[in-house]
PDB file of all heavy atoms in Angstrom:
ATOM      1  N   PRO A   1     -16.090 -55.673  54.966  1.00  0.00           N
ATOM      2  CA  PRO A   1     -15.059 -54.719  54.562  1.00  0.00           C
ATOM      3  C   PRO A   1     -15.569 -53.548  53.722  1.00  0.00           C
ATOM      4  O   PRO A   1     -14.749 -52.809  53.159  1.00  0.00           O
ATOM      5  CB  PRO A   1     -14.126 -55.596  53.721  1.00  0.00           C
ATOM      6  CG  PRO A   1     -15.052 -56.578  53.068  1.00  0.00           C
ATOM      7  CD  PRO A   1     -16.167 -56.825  54.042  1.00  0.00           C
ATOM      8  N   LEU A   2     -16.888 -53.372  53.642  1.00  0.00           N
ATOM      9  CA  LEU A   2     -17.425 -52.366  52.718  1.00  0.00           C
ATOM     10  C   LEU A   2     -18.120 -51.196  53.420  1.00  0.00           C
ATOM     11  O   LEU A   2     -18.883 -50.467  52.799  1.00  0.00           O
ATOM     12  CB  LEU A   2     -18.398 -53.023  51.726  1.00  0.00           C
ATOM     13  CG  LEU A   2     -17.735 -53.971  50.725  1.00  0.00           C
ATOM     14  CD1 LEU A   2     -18.785 -54.729  49.928  1.00  0.00           C
ATOM     15  CD2 LEU A   2     -16.806 -53.209  49.783  1.00  0.00           C
ATOM     16  N   ILE A   3     -17.855 -51.000  54.717  1.00  0.00           N
ATOM     17  CA  ILE A   3     -18.368 -49.796  55.360  1.00  0.00           C
ATOM     18  C   ILE A   3     -17.524 -48.593  54.924  1.00  0.00           C
ATOM     19  O   ILE A   3     -16.490 -48.742  54.274  1.00  0.00           O
ATOM     20  CB  ILE A   3     -18.393 -49.914  56.889  1.00  0.00           C
ATOM     21  CG1 ILE A   3     -16.986 -50.144  57.448  1.00  0.00           C
ATOM     22  CG2 ILE A   3     -19.350 -50.988  57.330  1.00  0.00           C
ATOM     23  CD1 ILE A   3     -16.908 -49.938  58.943  1.00  0.00           C
ATOM     24  N   LYS A   4     -17.975 -47.419  55.311  1.00  0.00           N
ATOM     25  CA  LYS A   4     -17.294 -46.192  54.918  1.00  0.00           C
ATOM     26  C   LYS A   4     -16.832 -45.420  56.142  1.00  0.00           C
ATOM     27  O   LYS A   4     -17.320 -45.629  57.250  1.00  0.00           O
ATOM     28  CB  LYS A   4     -18.228 -45.326  54.068  1.00  0.00           C
ATOM     29  CG  LYS A   4     -18.642 -45.996  52.761  1.00  0.00           C
ATOM     30  CD  LYS A   4     -19.569 -45.093  51.962  1.00  0.00           C
ATOM     31  CE  LYS A   4     -19.960 -45.763  50.640  1.00  0.00           C
ATOM     32  NZ  LYS A   4     -20.882 -44.905  49.856  1.00  0.00           N
ATOM     33  N   GLU A   5     -15.892 -44.510  55.925  1.00  0.00           N
ATOM     34  CA  GLU A   5     -15.375 -43.699  57.028  1.00  0.00           C
ATOM     35  C   GLU A   5     -16.491 -42.952  57.731  1.00  0.00           C
ATOM     36  O   GLU A   5     -16.511 -42.864  58.961  1.00  0.00           O
ATOM     37  CB  GLU A   5     -14.323 -42.717  56.499  1.00  0.00           C
ATOM     38  CG  GLU A   5     -13.746 -41.813  57.587  1.00  0.00           C
ATOM     39  CD  GLU A   5     -12.665 -40.888  57.069  1.00  0.00           C
ATOM     40  OE1 GLU A   5     -11.687 -41.384  56.482  1.00  0.00           O
ATOM     41  OE2 GLU A   5     -12.807 -39.659  57.247  1.00  0.00           O
ATOM     42  N   GLU A   6     -17.446 -42.421  56.968  1.00  0.00           N
ATOM     43  CA  GLU A   6     -18.507 -41.642  57.609  1.00  0.00           C
ATOM     44  C   GLU A   6     -19.404 -42.514  58.482  1.00  0.00           C
ATOM     45  O   GLU A   6     -19.997 -42.027  59.455  1.00  0.00           O
ATOM     46  CB  GLU A   6     -19.347 -40.887  56.576  1.00  0.00           C
ATOM     47  CG  GLU A   6     -19.881 -41.729  55.447  1.00  0.00           C
ATOM     48  CD  GLU A   6     -19.017 -41.648  54.192  1.00  0.00           C
ATOM     49  OE1 GLU A   6     -17.780 -41.698  54.304  1.00  0.00           O
ATOM     50  OE2 GLU A   6     -19.611 -41.542  53.097  1.00  0.00           O
ATOM     51  N   THR A   7     -19.523 -43.813  58.164  1.00  0.00           N
ATOM     52  CA  THR A   7     -20.300 -44.716  59.014  1.00  0.00           C
ATOM     53  C   THR A   7     -19.649 -44.870  60.371  1.00  0.00           C
ATOM     54  O   THR A   7     -20.324 -44.862  61.413  1.00  0.00           O
ATOM     55  CB  THR A   7     -20.448 -46.089  58.340  1.00  0.00           C
ATOM     56  OG1 THR A   7     -21.013 -45.935  57.042  1.00  0.00           O
ATOM     57  CG2 THR A   7     -21.354 -46.991  59.171  1.00  0.00           C
ATOM     58  N   ILE A   8     -18.326 -45.007  60.394  1.00  0.00           N
ATOM     59  CA  ILE A   8     -17.594 -45.090  61.654  1.00  0.00           C
ATOM     60  C   ILE A   8     -17.769 -43.788  62.435  1.00  0.00           C
ATOM     61  O   ILE A   8     -18.050 -43.802  63.642  1.00  0.00           O
ATOM     62  CB  ILE A   8     -16.112 -45.393  61.393  1.00  0.00           C
ATOM     63  CG1 ILE A   8     -15.968 -46.776  60.744  1.00  0.00           C
ATOM     64  CG2 ILE A   8     -15.297 -45.306  62.683  1.00  0.00           C
ATOM     65  CD1 ILE A   8     -14.551 -47.101  60.289  1.00  0.00           C
ATOM     66  N   THR A   9     -17.622 -42.666  61.751  1.00  0.00           N
ATOM     67  CA  THR A   9     -17.790 -41.354  62.396  1.00  0.00           C
ATOM     68  C   THR A   9     -19.189 -41.208  62.977  1.00  0.00           C
ATOM     69  O   THR A   9     -19.364 -40.745  64.112  1.00  0.00           O
ATOM     70  CB  THR A   9     -17.525 -40.232  61.379  1.00  0.00           C
ATOM     71  OG1 THR A   9     -16.186 -40.350  60.881  1.00  0.00           O
ATOM     72  CG2 THR A   9     -17.695 -38.861  62.018  1.00  0.00           C
ATOM     73  N   ASP A  10     -20.206 -41.602  62.221  1.00  0.00           N
ATOM     74  CA  ASP A  10     -21.588 -41.492  62.687  1.00  0.00           C
ATOM     75  C   ASP A  10     -21.829 -42.352  63.919  1.00  0.00           C
ATOM     76  O   ASP A  10     -22.569 -41.964  64.835  1.00  0.00           O
ATOM     77  CB  ASP A  10     -22.556 -41.890  61.570  1.00  0.00           C
ATOM     78  CG  ASP A  10     -22.617 -40.875  60.441  1.00  0.00           C
ATOM     79  OD1 ASP A  10     -22.156 -39.737  60.650  1.00  0.00           O
ATOM     80  OD2 ASP A  10     -23.133 -41.223  59.363  1.00  0.00           O
ATOM     81  N   ASN A  11     -21.224 -43.544  63.958  1.00  0.00           N
ATOM     82  CA  ASN A  11     -21.375 -44.414  65.121  1.00  0.00           C
ATOM     83  C   ASN A  11     -20.764 -43.774  66.357  1.00  0.00           C
ATOM     84  O   ASN A  11     -21.376 -43.763  67.436  1.00  0.00           O
ATOM     85  CB  ASN A  11     -20.727 -45.775  64.858  1.00  0.00           C
ATOM     86  CG  ASN A  11     -21.657 -46.782  64.216  1.00  0.00           C
ATOM     87  OD1 ASN A  11     -22.157 -47.690  64.872  1.00  0.00           O
ATOM     88  ND2 ASN A  11     -21.885 -46.622  62.923  1.00  0.00           N
ATOM     89  N   ILE A  12     -19.567 -43.244  66.230  1.00  0.00           N
ATOM     90  CA  ILE A  12     -18.902 -42.613  67.376  1.00  0.00           C
ATOM     91  C   ILE A  12     -19.733 -41.443  67.890  1.00  0.00           C
ATOM     92  O   ILE A  12     -19.997 -41.325  69.097  1.00  0.00           O
ATOM     93  CB  ILE A  12     -17.487 -42.155  66.989  1.00  0.00           C
ATOM     94  CG1 ILE A  12     -16.588 -43.365  66.691  1.00  0.00           C
ATOM     95  CG2 ILE A  12     -16.872 -41.291  68.094  1.00  0.00           C
ATOM     96  CD1 ILE A  12     -15.249 -43.000  66.062  1.00  0.00           C
ATOM     97  N   ARG A  13     -20.178 -40.588  66.982  1.00  0.00           N
ATOM     98  CA  ARG A  13     -20.946 -39.404  67.387  1.00  0.00           C
ATOM     99  C   ARG A  13     -22.266 -39.803  68.056  1.00  0.00           C
ATOM    100  O   ARG A  13     -22.650 -39.227  69.092  1.00  0.00           O
ATOM    101  CB  ARG A  13     -21.233 -38.525  66.176  1.00  0.00           C
ATOM    102  CG  ARG A  13     -21.952 -37.226  66.548  1.00  0.00           C
ATOM    103  CD  ARG A  13     -22.278 -36.379  65.357  1.00  0.00           C
ATOM    104  NE  ARG A  13     -23.278 -37.029  64.518  1.00  0.00           N
ATOM    105  CZ  ARG A  13     -23.025 -37.528  63.309  1.00  0.00           C
ATOM    106  NH1 ARG A  13     -21.796 -37.453  62.804  1.00  0.00           N
ATOM    107  NH2 ARG A  13     -23.973 -38.101  62.607  1.00  0.00           N
ATOM    108  N   THR A  14     -22.938 -40.800  67.507  1.00  0.00           N
ATOM    109  CA  THR A  14     -24.233 -41.194  68.051  1.00  0.00           C
ATOM    110  C   THR A  14     -24.095 -41.797  69.445  1.00  0.00           C
ATOM    111  O   THR A  14     -24.911 -41.524  70.338  1.00  0.00           O
ATOM    112  CB  THR A  14     -24.933 -42.183  67.097  1.00  0.00           C
ATOM    113  OG1 THR A  14     -25.086 -41.558  65.816  1.00  0.00           O
ATOM    114  CG2 THR A  14     -26.304 -42.576  67.624  1.00  0.00           C
ATOM    115  N   VAL A  15     -23.069 -42.614  69.668  1.00  0.00           N
ATOM    116  CA  VAL A  15     -22.865 -43.165  71.015  1.00  0.00           C
ATOM    117  C   VAL A  15     -22.560 -42.049  72.008  1.00  0.00           C
ATOM    118  O   VAL A  15     -23.076 -42.034  73.129  1.00  0.00           O
ATOM    119  CB  VAL A  15     -21.748 -44.221  71.011  1.00  0.00           C
ATOM    120  CG1 VAL A  15     -21.419 -44.662  72.446  1.00  0.00           C
ATOM    121  CG2 VAL A  15     -22.153 -45.431  70.182  1.00  0.00           C
ATOM    122  N   ARG A  16     -21.736 -41.089  71.612  1.00  0.00           N
ATOM    123  CA  ARG A  16     -21.421 -39.978  72.501  1.00  0.00           C
ATOM    124  C   ARG A  16     -22.675 -39.176  72.854  1.00  0.00           C
ATOM    125  O   ARG A  16     -22.826 -38.685  73.964  1.00  0.00           O
ATOM    126  CB  ARG A  16     -20.385 -39.063  71.850  1.00  0.00           C
ATOM    127  CG  ARG A  16     -18.999 -39.668  71.726  1.00  0.00           C
ATOM    128  CD  ARG A  16     -18.322 -39.832  73.059  1.00  0.00           C
ATOM    129  NE  ARG A  16     -17.022 -40.500  72.955  1.00  0.00           N
ATOM    130  CZ  ARG A  16     -16.456 -41.171  73.938  1.00  0.00           C
ATOM    131  NH1 ARG A  16     -17.067 -41.292  75.106  1.00  0.00           N
ATOM    132  NH2 ARG A  16     -15.290 -41.754  73.776  1.00  0.00           N
ATOM    133  N   GLU A  17     -23.596 -39.084  71.907  1.00  0.00           N
ATOM    134  CA  GLU A  17     -24.797 -38.278  72.139  1.00  0.00           C
ATOM    135  C   GLU A  17     -25.922 -39.064  72.804  1.00  0.00           C
ATOM    136  O   GLU A  17     -26.677 -38.522  73.614  1.00  0.00           O
ATOM    137  CB  GLU A  17     -25.302 -37.725  70.806  1.00  0.00           C
ATOM    138  CG  GLU A  17     -24.367 -36.694  70.173  1.00  0.00           C
ATOM    139  CD  GLU A  17     -24.830 -36.240  68.796  1.00  0.00           C
ATOM    140  OE1 GLU A  17     -25.820 -36.835  68.281  1.00  0.00           O
ATOM    141  OE2 GLU A  17     -24.215 -35.327  68.225  1.00  0.00           O
ATOM    142  N   LYS A  18     -26.039 -40.371  72.492  1.00  0.00           N
ATOM    143  CA  LYS A  18     -27.235 -41.114  72.885  1.00  0.00           C
ATOM    144  C   LYS A  18     -26.956 -42.417  73.622  1.00  0.00           C
ATOM    145  O   LYS A  18     -27.901 -43.029  74.129  1.00  0.00           O
ATOM    146  CB  LYS A  18     -28.094 -41.394  71.648  1.00  0.00           C
ATOM    147  CG  LYS A  18     -28.542 -40.123  70.934  1.00  0.00           C
ATOM    148  CD  LYS A  18     -29.407 -40.418  69.728  1.00  0.00           C
ATOM    149  CE  LYS A  18     -29.860 -39.133  69.031  1.00  0.00           C
ATOM    150  NZ  LYS A  18     -30.716 -39.415  67.850  1.00  0.00           N
ATOM    151  N   GLY A  19     -25.714 -42.901  73.633  1.00  0.00           N
ATOM    152  CA  GLY A  19     -25.385 -44.064  74.439  1.00  0.00           C
ATOM    153  C   GLY A  19     -25.162 -45.364  73.711  1.00  0.00           C
ATOM    154  O   GLY A  19     -24.265 -46.124  74.069  1.00  0.00           O
ATOM    155  N   SER A  20     -25.958 -45.687  72.705  1.00  0.00           N
ATOM    156  CA  SER A  20     -25.820 -46.931  71.953  1.00  0.00           C
ATOM    157  C   SER A  20     -26.383 -46.725  70.560  1.00  0.00           C
ATOM    158  O   SER A  20     -27.307 -45.920  70.376  1.00  0.00           O
ATOM    159  CB  SER A  20     -26.583 -48.088  72.614  1.00  0.00           C
ATOM    160  OG  SER A  20     -26.133 -48.340  73.923  1.00  0.00           O
ATOM    161  N   CYS A  21     -25.862 -47.467  69.588  1.00  0.00           N
ATOM    162  CA  CYS A  21     -26.452 -47.370  68.250  1.00  0.00           C
ATOM    163  C   CYS A  21     -26.171 -48.619  67.423  1.00  0.00           C
ATOM    164  O   CYS A  21     -25.219 -49.359  67.681  1.00  0.00           O
ATOM    165  CB  CYS A  21     -25.991 -46.118  67.512  1.00  0.00           C
ATOM    166  SG  CYS A  21     -24.287 -46.151  66.944  1.00  0.00           S
ATOM    167  N   ILE A  22     -27.027 -48.830  66.439  1.00  0.00           N
ATOM    168  CA  ILE A  22     -26.909 -49.940  65.505  1.00  0.00           C
ATOM    169  C   ILE A  22     -26.810 -49.356  64.107  1.00  0.00           C
ATOM    170  O   ILE A  22     -27.601 -48.493  63.735  1.00  0.00           O
ATOM    171  CB  ILE A  22     -28.141 -50.850  65.528  1.00  0.00           C
ATOM    172  CG1 ILE A  22     -28.663 -51.074  66.949  1.00  0.00           C
ATOM    173  CG2 ILE A  22     -27.860 -52.166  64.832  1.00  0.00           C
ATOM    174  CD1 ILE A  22     -30.066 -51.630  66.973  1.00  0.00           C
ATOM    175  N   THR A  23     -25.866 -49.832  63.329  1.00  0.00           N
ATOM    176  CA  THR A  23     -25.820 -49.467  61.913  1.00  0.00           C
ATOM    177  C   THR A  23     -26.865 -50.298  61.173  1.00  0.00           C
ATOM    178  O   THR A  23     -26.916 -51.518  61.310  1.00  0.00           O
ATOM    179  CB  THR A  23     -24.427 -49.746  61.329  1.00  0.00           C
ATOM    180  OG1 THR A  23     -23.453 -49.026  62.078  1.00  0.00           O
ATOM    181  CG2 THR A  23     -24.366 -49.295  59.870  1.00  0.00           C
ATOM    182  N   CYS A  24     -27.697 -49.632  60.396  1.00  0.00           N
ATOM    183  CA  CYS A  24     -28.795 -50.298  59.691  1.00  0.00           C
ATOM    184  C   CYS A  24     -28.818 -49.868  58.224  1.00  0.00           C
ATOM    185  O   CYS A  24     -28.176 -48.886  57.833  1.00  0.00           O
ATOM    186  CB  CYS A  24     -30.143 -49.940  60.323  1.00  0.00           C
ATOM    187  SG  CYS A  24     -30.322 -50.429  62.049  1.00  0.00           S
ATOM    188  N   VAL A  25     -29.589 -50.615  57.444  1.00  0.00           N
ATOM    189  CA  VAL A  25     -29.936 -50.179  56.093  1.00  0.00           C
ATOM    190  C   VAL A  25     -31.441 -50.322  55.943  1.00  0.00           C
ATOM    191  O   VAL A  25     -32.052 -51.192  56.585  1.00  0.00           O
ATOM    192  CB  VAL A  25     -29.212 -51.005  55.002  1.00  0.00           C
ATOM    193  CG1 VAL A  25     -27.711 -50.779  55.069  1.00  0.00           C
ATOM    194  CG2 VAL A  25     -29.533 -52.492  55.103  1.00  0.00           C
ATOM    195  N   PRO A  26     -32.067 -49.472  55.135  1.00  0.00           N
ATOM    196  CA  PRO A  26     -33.508 -49.618  54.911  1.00  0.00           C
ATOM    197  C   PRO A  26     -33.813 -50.941  54.218  1.00  0.00           C
ATOM    198  O   PRO A  26     -33.021 -51.437  53.415  1.00  0.00           O
ATOM    199  CB  PRO A  26     -33.847 -48.424  54.007  1.00  0.00           C
ATOM    200  CG  PRO A  26     -32.710 -47.467  54.184  1.00  0.00           C
ATOM    201  CD  PRO A  26     -31.498 -48.308  54.444  1.00  0.00           C
ATOM    202  N   THR A  27     -34.947 -51.526  54.550  1.00  0.00           N
ATOM    203  CA  THR A  27     -35.354 -52.740  53.857  1.00  0.00           C
ATOM    204  C   THR A  27     -35.994 -52.393  52.521  1.00  0.00           C
ATOM    205  O   THR A  27     -36.698 -51.386  52.398  1.00  0.00           O
ATOM    206  CB  THR A  27     -36.346 -53.562  54.701  1.00  0.00           C
ATOM    207  OG1 THR A  27     -36.716 -54.729  53.974  1.00  0.00           O
ATOM    208  CG2 THR A  27     -37.578 -52.757  55.050  1.00  0.00           C
ATOM    209  N   THR A  28     -35.713 -53.194  51.525  1.00  0.00           N
ATOM    210  CA  THR A  28     -36.304 -52.986  50.199  1.00  0.00           C
ATOM    211  C   THR A  28     -37.317 -54.078  49.868  1.00  0.00           C
ATOM    212  O   THR A  28     -37.880 -54.094  48.778  1.00  0.00           O
ATOM    213  CB  THR A  28     -35.216 -52.978  49.117  1.00  0.00           C
ATOM    214  OG1 THR A  28     -34.478 -54.212  49.174  1.00  0.00           O
ATOM    215  CG2 THR A  28     -34.264 -51.806  49.323  1.00  0.00           C
ATOM    216  N   GLU A  29     -37.542 -54.997  50.809  1.00  0.00           N
ATOM    217  CA  GLU A  29     -38.524 -56.055  50.607  1.00  0.00           C
ATOM    218  C   GLU A  29     -39.407 -56.145  51.844  1.00  0.00           C
ATOM    219  O   GLU A  29     -39.139 -55.540  52.877  1.00  0.00           O
ATOM    220  CB  GLU A  29     -37.819 -57.389  50.320  1.00  0.00           C
ATOM    221  CG  GLU A  29     -36.967 -57.341  49.060  1.00  0.00           C
ATOM    222  CD  GLU A  29     -36.434 -58.706  48.670  1.00  0.00           C
ATOM    223  OE1 GLU A  29     -37.118 -59.706  48.931  1.00  0.00           O
ATOM    224  OE2 GLU A  29     -35.335 -58.769  48.106  1.00  0.00           O
ATOM    225  N   THR A  30     -40.458 -56.924  51.734  1.00  0.00           N
ATOM    226  CA  THR A  30     -41.433 -57.061  52.810  1.00  0.00           C
ATOM    227  C   THR A  30     -41.027 -58.171  53.765  1.00  0.00           C
ATOM    228  O   THR A  30     -40.669 -59.267  53.345  1.00  0.00           O
ATOM    229  CB  THR A  30     -42.830 -57.358  52.226  1.00  0.00           C
ATOM    230  OG1 THR A  30     -43.209 -56.279  51.378  1.00  0.00           O
ATOM    231  CG2 THR A  30     -43.855 -57.528  53.329  1.00  0.00           C
ATOM    232  N   PHE A  31     -41.096 -57.884  55.083  1.00  0.00           N
ATOM    233  CA  PHE A  31     -40.846 -58.892  56.105  1.00  0.00           C
ATOM    234  C   PHE A  31     -42.141 -59.618  56.436  1.00  0.00           C
ATOM    235  O   PHE A  31     -43.202 -58.998  56.581  1.00  0.00           O
ATOM    236  CB  PHE A  31     -40.312 -58.243  57.386  1.00  0.00           C
ATOM    237  CG  PHE A  31     -38.864 -57.853  57.310  1.00  0.00           C
ATOM    238  CD1 PHE A  31     -38.494 -56.527  57.190  1.00  0.00           C
ATOM    239  CD2 PHE A  31     -37.873 -58.819  57.362  1.00  0.00           C
ATOM    240  CE1 PHE A  31     -37.167 -56.159  57.142  1.00  0.00           C
ATOM    241  CE2 PHE A  31     -36.544 -58.458  57.303  1.00  0.00           C
ATOM    242  CZ  PHE A  31     -36.181 -57.134  57.193  1.00  0.00           C
ATOM    243  N   VAL A  32     -42.042 -60.930  56.609  1.00  0.00           N
ATOM    244  CA  VAL A  32     -43.153 -61.729  57.107  1.00  0.00           C
ATOM    245  C   VAL A  32     -42.684 -62.368  58.404  1.00  0.00           C
ATOM    246  O   VAL A  32     -41.721 -63.138  58.414  1.00  0.00           O
ATOM    247  CB  VAL A  32     -43.574 -62.811  56.096  1.00  0.00           C
ATOM    248  CG1 VAL A  32     -44.709 -63.656  56.668  1.00  0.00           C
ATOM    249  CG2 VAL A  32     -43.986 -62.169  54.777  1.00  0.00           C
ATOM    250  N   VAL A  33     -43.342 -62.035  59.521  1.00  0.00           N
ATOM    251  CA  VAL A  33     -42.922 -62.496  60.846  1.00  0.00           C
ATOM    252  C   VAL A  33     -43.886 -63.555  61.341  1.00  0.00           C
ATOM    253  O   VAL A  33     -45.088 -63.305  61.498  1.00  0.00           O
ATOM    254  CB  VAL A  33     -42.865 -61.316  61.848  1.00  0.00           C
ATOM    255  CG1 VAL A  33     -42.388 -61.808  63.212  1.00  0.00           C
ATOM    256  CG2 VAL A  33     -41.945 -60.216  61.317  1.00  0.00           C
ATOM    257  N   GLY A  34     -43.373 -64.776  61.582  1.00  0.00           N
ATOM    258  CA  GLY A  34     -44.208 -65.845  62.094  1.00  0.00           C
ATOM    259  C   GLY A  34     -44.577 -65.632  63.546  1.00  0.00           C
ATOM    260  O   GLY A  34     -43.784 -65.124  64.340  1.00  0.00           O
ATOM    261  N   LYS A  35     -45.806 -66.035  63.938  1.00  0.00           N
ATOM    262  CA  LYS A  35     -46.293 -65.906  65.313  1.00  0.00           C
ATOM    263  C   LYS A  35     -46.583 -67.294  65.880  1.00  0.00           C
ATOM    264  O   LYS A  35     -46.786 -68.259  65.125  1.00  0.00           O
ATOM    265  CB  LYS A  35     -47.553 -65.035  65.326  1.00  0.00           C
ATOM    266  CG  LYS A  35     -47.324 -63.622  64.790  1.00  0.00           C
ATOM    267  CD  LYS A  35     -48.609 -62.835  64.685  1.00  0.00           C
ATOM    268  CE  LYS A  35     -49.160 -62.506  66.037  1.00  0.00           C
ATOM    269  NZ  LYS A  35     -50.371 -61.648  65.930  1.00  0.00           N
ATOM    270  N   PRO A  36     -46.594 -67.422  67.210  1.00  0.00           N
ATOM    271  CA  PRO A  36     -46.794 -68.742  67.821  1.00  0.00           C
ATOM    272  C   PRO A  36     -48.095 -69.429  67.422  1.00  0.00           C
ATOM    273  O   PRO A  36     -48.177 -70.662  67.425  1.00  0.00           O
ATOM    274  CB  PRO A  36     -46.782 -68.431  69.325  1.00  0.00           C
ATOM    275  CG  PRO A  36     -45.991 -67.168  69.448  1.00  0.00           C
ATOM    276  CD  PRO A  36     -46.295 -66.382  68.218  1.00  0.00           C
ATOM    277  N   ASP A  37     -49.128 -68.650  67.082  1.00  0.00           N
ATOM    278  CA  ASP A  37     -50.419 -69.251  66.724  1.00  0.00           C
ATOM    279  C   ASP A  37     -50.478 -69.717  65.278  1.00  0.00           C
ATOM    280  O   ASP A  37     -51.541 -70.132  64.795  1.00  0.00           O
ATOM    281  CB  ASP A  37     -51.555 -68.264  67.006  1.00  0.00           C
ATOM    282  CG  ASP A  37     -51.389 -66.945  66.257  1.00  0.00           C
ATOM    283  OD1 ASP A  37     -50.471 -66.852  65.410  1.00  0.00           O
ATOM    284  OD2 ASP A  37     -52.155 -65.992  66.533  1.00  0.00           O
ATOM    285  N   GLY A  38     -49.336 -69.643  64.570  1.00  0.00           N
ATOM    286  CA  GLY A  38     -49.291 -70.097  63.182  1.00  0.00           C
ATOM    287  C   GLY A  38     -49.650 -69.029  62.174  1.00  0.00           C
ATOM    288  O   GLY A  38     -49.537 -69.256  60.960  1.00  0.00           O
ATOM    289  N   LEU A  39     -50.096 -67.872  62.642  1.00  0.00           N
ATOM    290  CA  LEU A  39     -50.395 -66.764  61.750  1.00  0.00           C
ATOM    291  C   LEU A  39     -49.134 -65.944  61.520  1.00  0.00           C
ATOM    292  O   LEU A  39     -48.070 -66.222  62.062  1.00  0.00           O
ATOM    293  CB  LEU A  39     -51.510 -65.908  62.341  1.00  0.00           C
ATOM    294  CG  LEU A  39     -52.847 -66.626  62.557  1.00  0.00           C
ATOM    295  CD1 LEU A  39     -53.846 -65.690  63.231  1.00  0.00           C
ATOM    296  CD2 LEU A  39     -53.406 -67.167  61.234  1.00  0.00           C
ATOM    297  N   PHE A  40     -49.247 -64.904  60.732  1.00  0.00           N
ATOM    298  CA  PHE A  40     -48.097 -64.081  60.385  1.00  0.00           C
ATOM    299  C   PHE A  40     -48.421 -62.610  60.578  1.00  0.00           C
ATOM    300  O   PHE A  40     -49.561 -62.180  60.437  1.00  0.00           O
ATOM    301  CB  PHE A  40     -47.675 -64.320  58.928  1.00  0.00           C
ATOM    302  CG  PHE A  40     -47.215 -65.709  58.658  1.00  0.00           C
ATOM    303  CD1 PHE A  40     -48.101 -66.685  58.223  1.00  0.00           C
ATOM    304  CD2 PHE A  40     -45.888 -66.056  58.845  1.00  0.00           C
ATOM    305  CE1 PHE A  40     -47.674 -67.974  57.981  1.00  0.00           C
ATOM    306  CE2 PHE A  40     -45.446 -67.341  58.609  1.00  0.00           C
ATOM    307  CZ  PHE A  40     -46.345 -68.306  58.176  1.00  0.00           C
ATOM    308  N   GLU A  41     -47.368 -61.872  60.898  1.00  0.00           N
ATOM    309  CA  GLU A  41     -47.467 -60.418  60.992  1.00  0.00           C
ATOM    310  C   GLU A  41     -46.576 -59.822  59.918  1.00  0.00           C
ATOM    311  O   GLU A  41     -45.448 -60.281  59.720  1.00  0.00           O
ATOM    312  CB  GLU A  41     -47.011 -59.951  62.371  1.00  0.00           C
ATOM    313  CG  GLU A  41     -47.027 -58.435  62.542  1.00  0.00           C
ATOM    314  CD  GLU A  41     -46.505 -58.021  63.903  1.00  0.00           C
ATOM    315  OE1 GLU A  41     -46.283 -58.894  64.757  1.00  0.00           O
ATOM    316  OE2 GLU A  41     -46.310 -56.808  64.097  1.00  0.00           O
TER     317      GLU A  41
END
């Protein structure tokens, strides 16, 4: 319930211009991605 009107507007405009979009936020922490060989990326 905490999105904003401009987020809705931006989604509509982006789909009209480009076809599909995802609302995102920048990450503020580091991601560690596990790999099948047991190592990490």
